[in-house]
Amino acid sequence: MTPEVVMDIGRQAVEMTLLLAAPLLVTALVIGLVVSVFQAATQINEQTLAFIPKLVGMFLMVLVAGPWMLQLMVDYVRRLFESIPQLIG
């Protein structure tokens, strides 16, 4: 196994991590921004007001994007396992 192959596997792993994390991170970012604007407009400084909507939003995003994320991960792991004979030989 050459260093290029190792770097390619590492790059693919990082790309997969970013693809899987992106929907949840974007959801948390958007909800946090909306709640922050609401808190600034109403001058309510309650910490749980920011936490609960993020929790609910991320739960809903897992329900919506979960099957896609699971299929993406299964495909990646299947490709990785199928490439083992070429990596050893």
N, C-alpha and C. Protein backbone atom coordinates (compact mmCIF):
# COMPACT_ATOMS: atom_id res chain seq x y z
N MET A 1 0.86 -1.18 0.00
CA MET A 1 0.00 0.00 0.00
C MET A 1 0.91 1.23 0.00
N THR A 2 0.68 2.09 -0.97
CA THR A 2 1.52 3.27 -1.13
C THR A 2 0.97 4.43 -0.29
N PRO A 3 1.80 5.41 -0.05
CA PRO A 3 1.32 6.59 0.69
C PRO A 3 0.18 7.32 -0.02
N GLU A 4 0.17 7.27 -1.36
CA GLU A 4 -0.91 7.91 -2.11
C GLU A 4 -2.26 7.25 -1.84
N VAL A 5 -2.23 5.92 -1.73
CA VAL A 5 -3.46 5.18 -1.45
C VAL A 5 -3.97 5.51 -0.05
N VAL A 6 -3.06 5.59 0.89
CA VAL A 6 -3.43 5.93 2.27
C VAL A 6 -4.02 7.34 2.32
N MET A 7 -3.40 8.27 1.62
CA MET A 7 -3.91 9.64 1.59
C MET A 7 -5.27 9.71 0.90
N ASP A 8 -5.48 8.89 -0.13
CA ASP A 8 -6.77 8.88 -0.81
C ASP A 8 -7.86 8.33 0.10
N ILE A 9 -7.55 7.28 0.84
CA ILE A 9 -8.53 6.72 1.78
C ILE A 9 -8.84 7.74 2.88
N GLY A 10 -7.83 8.43 3.37
CA GLY A 10 -8.04 9.47 4.38
C GLY A 10 -8.88 10.62 3.85
N ARG A 11 -8.63 11.03 2.60
CA ARG A 11 -9.40 12.11 1.98
C ARG A 11 -10.86 11.71 1.84
N GLN A 12 -11.09 10.47 1.42
CA GLN A 12 -12.46 9.99 1.28
C GLN A 12 -13.17 9.94 2.63
N ALA A 13 -12.44 9.57 3.67
CA ALA A 13 -13.03 9.52 5.01
C ALA A 13 -13.41 10.92 5.50
N VAL A 14 -12.56 11.90 5.24
CA VAL A 14 -12.86 13.28 5.64
C VAL A 14 -14.05 13.82 4.84
N GLU A 15 -14.09 13.53 3.55
CA GLU A 15 -15.23 13.96 2.73
C GLU A 15 -16.53 13.34 3.23
N MET A 16 -16.48 12.07 3.59
CA MET A 16 -17.67 11.39 4.10
C MET A 16 -18.12 12.01 5.41
N THR A 17 -17.18 12.32 6.28
CA THR A 17 -17.50 12.95 7.55
C THR A 17 -18.18 14.30 7.33
N LEU A 18 -17.64 15.09 6.41
CA LEU A 18 -18.23 16.39 6.12
C LEU A 18 -19.63 16.26 5.53
N LEU A 19 -19.82 15.30 4.63
CA LEU A 19 -21.14 15.09 4.04
C LEU A 19 -22.17 14.65 5.08
N LEU A 20 -21.74 13.82 6.01
CA LEU A 20 -22.67 13.33 7.03
C LEU A 20 -22.98 14.40 8.08
N ALA A 21 -22.01 15.24 8.38
CA ALA A 21 -22.21 16.25 9.41
C ALA A 21 -22.88 17.52 8.89
N ALA A 22 -22.76 17.79 7.60
CA ALA A 22 -23.25 19.05 7.04
C ALA A 22 -24.73 19.32 7.30
N PRO A 23 -25.65 18.38 7.07
CA PRO A 23 -27.07 18.70 7.30
C PRO A 23 -27.35 19.09 8.75
N LEU A 24 -26.74 18.39 9.69
CA LEU A 24 -26.99 18.70 11.09
C LEU A 24 -26.35 20.03 11.50
N LEU A 25 -25.16 20.29 11.02
CA LEU A 25 -24.48 21.55 11.36
C LEU A 25 -25.19 22.75 10.75
N VAL A 26 -25.63 22.62 9.51
CA VAL A 26 -26.35 23.72 8.87
C VAL A 26 -27.67 23.98 9.59
N THR A 27 -28.35 22.92 9.98
CA THR A 27 -29.60 23.08 10.73
C THR A 27 -29.36 23.82 12.04
N ALA A 28 -28.35 23.40 12.78
CA ALA A 28 -28.05 24.07 14.05
C ALA A 28 -27.66 25.53 13.83
N LEU A 29 -26.91 25.79 12.76
CA LEU A 29 -26.50 27.16 12.46
C LEU A 29 -27.69 28.05 12.14
N VAL A 30 -28.59 27.58 11.29
CA VAL A 30 -29.75 28.38 10.89
C VAL A 30 -30.67 28.62 12.09
N ILE A 31 -30.95 27.57 12.85
CA ILE A 31 -31.83 27.73 14.01
C ILE A 31 -31.19 28.64 15.04
N GLY A 32 -29.89 28.50 15.26
CA GLY A 32 -29.19 29.39 16.19
C GLY A 32 -29.24 30.84 15.76
N LEU A 33 -29.10 31.08 14.46
CA LEU A 33 -29.17 32.44 13.94
C LEU A 33 -30.56 33.03 14.12
N VAL A 34 -31.60 32.25 13.81
CA VAL A 34 -32.98 32.73 13.97
C VAL A 34 -33.29 33.02 15.43
N VAL A 35 -32.89 32.13 16.31
CA VAL A 35 -33.15 32.33 17.74
C VAL A 35 -32.37 33.54 18.26
N SER A 36 -31.15 33.72 17.80
CA SER A 36 -30.35 34.87 18.23
C SER A 36 -30.98 36.19 17.79
N VAL A 37 -31.48 36.22 16.57
CA VAL A 37 -32.16 37.44 16.09
C VAL A 37 -33.41 37.69 16.93
N PHE A 38 -34.15 36.64 17.20
CA PHE A 38 -35.35 36.77 18.04
C PHE A 38 -34.99 37.27 19.44
N GLN A 39 -33.93 36.72 20.03
CA GLN A 39 -33.51 37.15 21.36
C GLN A 39 -33.03 38.60 21.35
N ALA A 40 -32.34 38.99 20.31
CA ALA A 40 -31.87 40.38 20.23
C ALA A 40 -33.03 41.34 20.05
N ALA A 41 -34.04 40.91 19.29
CA ALA A 41 -35.18 41.79 19.04
C ALA A 41 -36.05 41.94 20.28
N THR A 42 -36.18 40.88 21.06
CA THR A 42 -37.05 40.92 22.24
C THR A 42 -36.28 41.15 23.54
N GLN A 43 -34.97 41.15 23.48
CA GLN A 43 -34.09 41.32 24.64
C GLN A 43 -34.33 40.25 25.70
N ILE A 44 -34.64 39.04 25.24
CA ILE A 44 -34.77 37.89 26.13
C ILE A 44 -33.45 37.14 26.10
N ASN A 45 -32.80 37.00 27.26
CA ASN A 45 -31.51 36.31 27.32
C ASN A 45 -31.65 35.02 28.11
N GLU A 46 -32.36 34.09 27.55
CA GLU A 46 -32.57 32.79 28.20
C GLU A 46 -31.79 31.74 27.41
N GLN A 47 -30.90 31.01 28.08
CA GLN A 47 -30.05 30.04 27.40
C GLN A 47 -30.84 28.85 26.87
N THR A 48 -31.86 28.41 27.60
CA THR A 48 -32.63 27.25 27.13
C THR A 48 -33.45 27.59 25.90
N LEU A 49 -33.72 28.86 25.67
CA LEU A 49 -34.46 29.27 24.49
C LEU A 49 -33.66 28.95 23.21
N ALA A 50 -32.36 28.96 23.30
CA ALA A 50 -31.53 28.63 22.15
C ALA A 50 -31.32 27.11 22.03
N PHE A 51 -31.30 26.42 23.15
CA PHE A 51 -30.98 25.00 23.14
C PHE A 51 -32.13 24.12 22.65
N ILE A 52 -33.31 24.35 23.14
CA ILE A 52 -34.45 23.49 22.82
C ILE A 52 -34.79 23.52 21.32
N PRO A 53 -34.88 24.68 20.66
CA PRO A 53 -35.16 24.65 19.21
C PRO A 53 -34.07 23.94 18.40
N LYS A 54 -32.80 24.09 18.81
CA LYS A 54 -31.73 23.38 18.12
C LYS A 54 -31.89 21.87 18.28
N LEU A 55 -32.23 21.44 19.47
CA LEU A 55 -32.42 20.02 19.72
C LEU A 55 -33.56 19.46 18.88
N VAL A 56 -34.67 20.17 18.85
CA VAL A 56 -35.82 19.72 18.06
C VAL A 56 -35.49 19.76 16.57
N GLY A 57 -34.84 20.80 16.12
CA GLY A 57 -34.48 20.92 14.70
C GLY A 57 -33.52 19.83 14.26
N MET A 58 -32.56 19.51 15.09
CA MET A 58 -31.62 18.46 14.73
C MET A 58 -32.30 17.10 14.73
N PHE A 59 -33.23 16.88 15.65
CA PHE A 59 -33.98 15.63 15.66
C PHE A 59 -34.80 15.50 14.38
N LEU A 60 -35.46 16.58 13.98
CA LEU A 60 -36.23 16.55 12.74
C LEU A 60 -35.33 16.34 11.52
N MET A 61 -34.15 16.94 11.53
CA MET A 61 -33.23 16.76 10.41
C MET A 61 -32.74 15.31 10.34
N VAL A 62 -32.52 14.68 11.47
CA VAL A 62 -32.13 13.27 11.46
C VAL A 62 -33.26 12.43 10.89
N LEU A 63 -34.51 12.77 11.22
CA LEU A 63 -35.64 12.04 10.65
C LEU A 63 -35.73 12.22 9.13
N VAL A 64 -35.46 13.43 8.67
CA VAL A 64 -35.57 13.73 7.24
C VAL A 64 -34.36 13.19 6.47
N ALA A 65 -33.17 13.50 6.94
CA ALA A 65 -31.95 13.16 6.19
C ALA A 65 -31.32 11.85 6.65
N GLY A 66 -31.86 11.23 7.68
CA GLY A 66 -31.29 10.00 8.22
C GLY A 66 -31.15 8.88 7.21
N PRO A 67 -32.20 8.57 6.44
CA PRO A 67 -32.05 7.50 5.45
C PRO A 67 -30.97 7.78 4.40
N TRP A 68 -30.89 9.03 3.96
CA TRP A 68 -29.84 9.40 3.00
C TRP A 68 -28.46 9.25 3.63
N MET A 69 -28.31 9.71 4.88
CA MET A 69 -27.03 9.62 5.56
C MET A 69 -26.63 8.16 5.78
N LEU A 70 -27.59 7.33 6.15
CA LEU A 70 -27.31 5.91 6.37
C LEU A 70 -26.90 5.23 5.06
N GLN A 71 -27.61 5.53 3.97
CA GLN A 71 -27.27 4.94 2.68
C GLN A 71 -25.89 5.39 2.22
N LEU A 72 -25.56 6.65 2.44
CA LEU A 72 -24.25 7.17 2.08
C LEU A 72 -23.15 6.43 2.84
N MET A 73 -23.37 6.22 4.13
CA MET A 73 -22.38 5.54 4.96
C MET A 73 -22.25 4.07 4.57
N VAL A 74 -23.35 3.41 4.30
CA VAL A 74 -23.31 2.00 3.90
C VAL A 74 -22.57 1.84 2.57
N ASP A 75 -22.84 2.73 1.62
CA ASP A 75 -22.14 2.67 0.33
C ASP A 75 -20.64 2.88 0.50
N TYR A 76 -20.27 3.82 1.36
CA TYR A 76 -18.85 4.09 1.60
C TYR A 76 -18.16 2.88 2.21
N VAL A 77 -18.77 2.30 3.22
CA VAL A 77 -18.17 1.15 3.89
C VAL A 77 -18.10 -0.04 2.94
N ARG A 78 -19.13 -0.23 2.13
CA ARG A 78 -19.12 -1.32 1.15
C ARG A 78 -17.98 -1.13 0.15
N ARG A 79 -17.81 0.10 -0.36
CA ARG A 79 -16.70 0.36 -1.30
C ARG A 79 -15.36 0.13 -0.62
N LEU A 80 -15.25 0.52 0.63
CA LEU A 80 -14.00 0.35 1.37
C LEU A 80 -13.69 -1.13 1.56
N PHE A 81 -14.69 -1.92 1.95
CA PHE A 81 -14.46 -3.35 2.13
C PHE A 81 -14.16 -4.05 0.81
N GLU A 82 -14.82 -3.63 -0.27
CA GLU A 82 -14.57 -4.24 -1.57
C GLU A 82 -13.19 -3.90 -2.11
N SER A 83 -12.59 -2.81 -1.64
CA SER A 83 -11.25 -2.43 -2.12
C SER A 83 -10.14 -3.09 -1.33
N ILE A 84 -10.46 -3.84 -0.29
CA ILE A 84 -9.42 -4.47 0.53
C ILE A 84 -8.53 -5.40 -0.28
N PRO A 85 -9.07 -6.27 -1.16
CA PRO A 85 -8.17 -7.14 -1.92
C PRO A 85 -7.17 -6.36 -2.80
N GLN A 86 -7.59 -5.25 -3.39
CA GLN A 86 -6.66 -4.46 -4.21
C GLN A 86 -5.63 -3.77 -3.34
N LEU A 87 -5.99 -3.42 -2.11
CA LEU A 87 -5.03 -2.74 -1.22
C LEU A 87 -3.97 -3.71 -0.71
N ILE A 88 -4.35 -4.95 -0.50
CA ILE A 88 -3.39 -5.94 0.02
C ILE A 88 -2.46 -6.42 -1.08
N GLY A 89 -3.01 -6.61 -2.27
CA GLY A 89 -2.23 -7.19 -3.38
C GLY A 89 -1.30 -6.27 -4.05
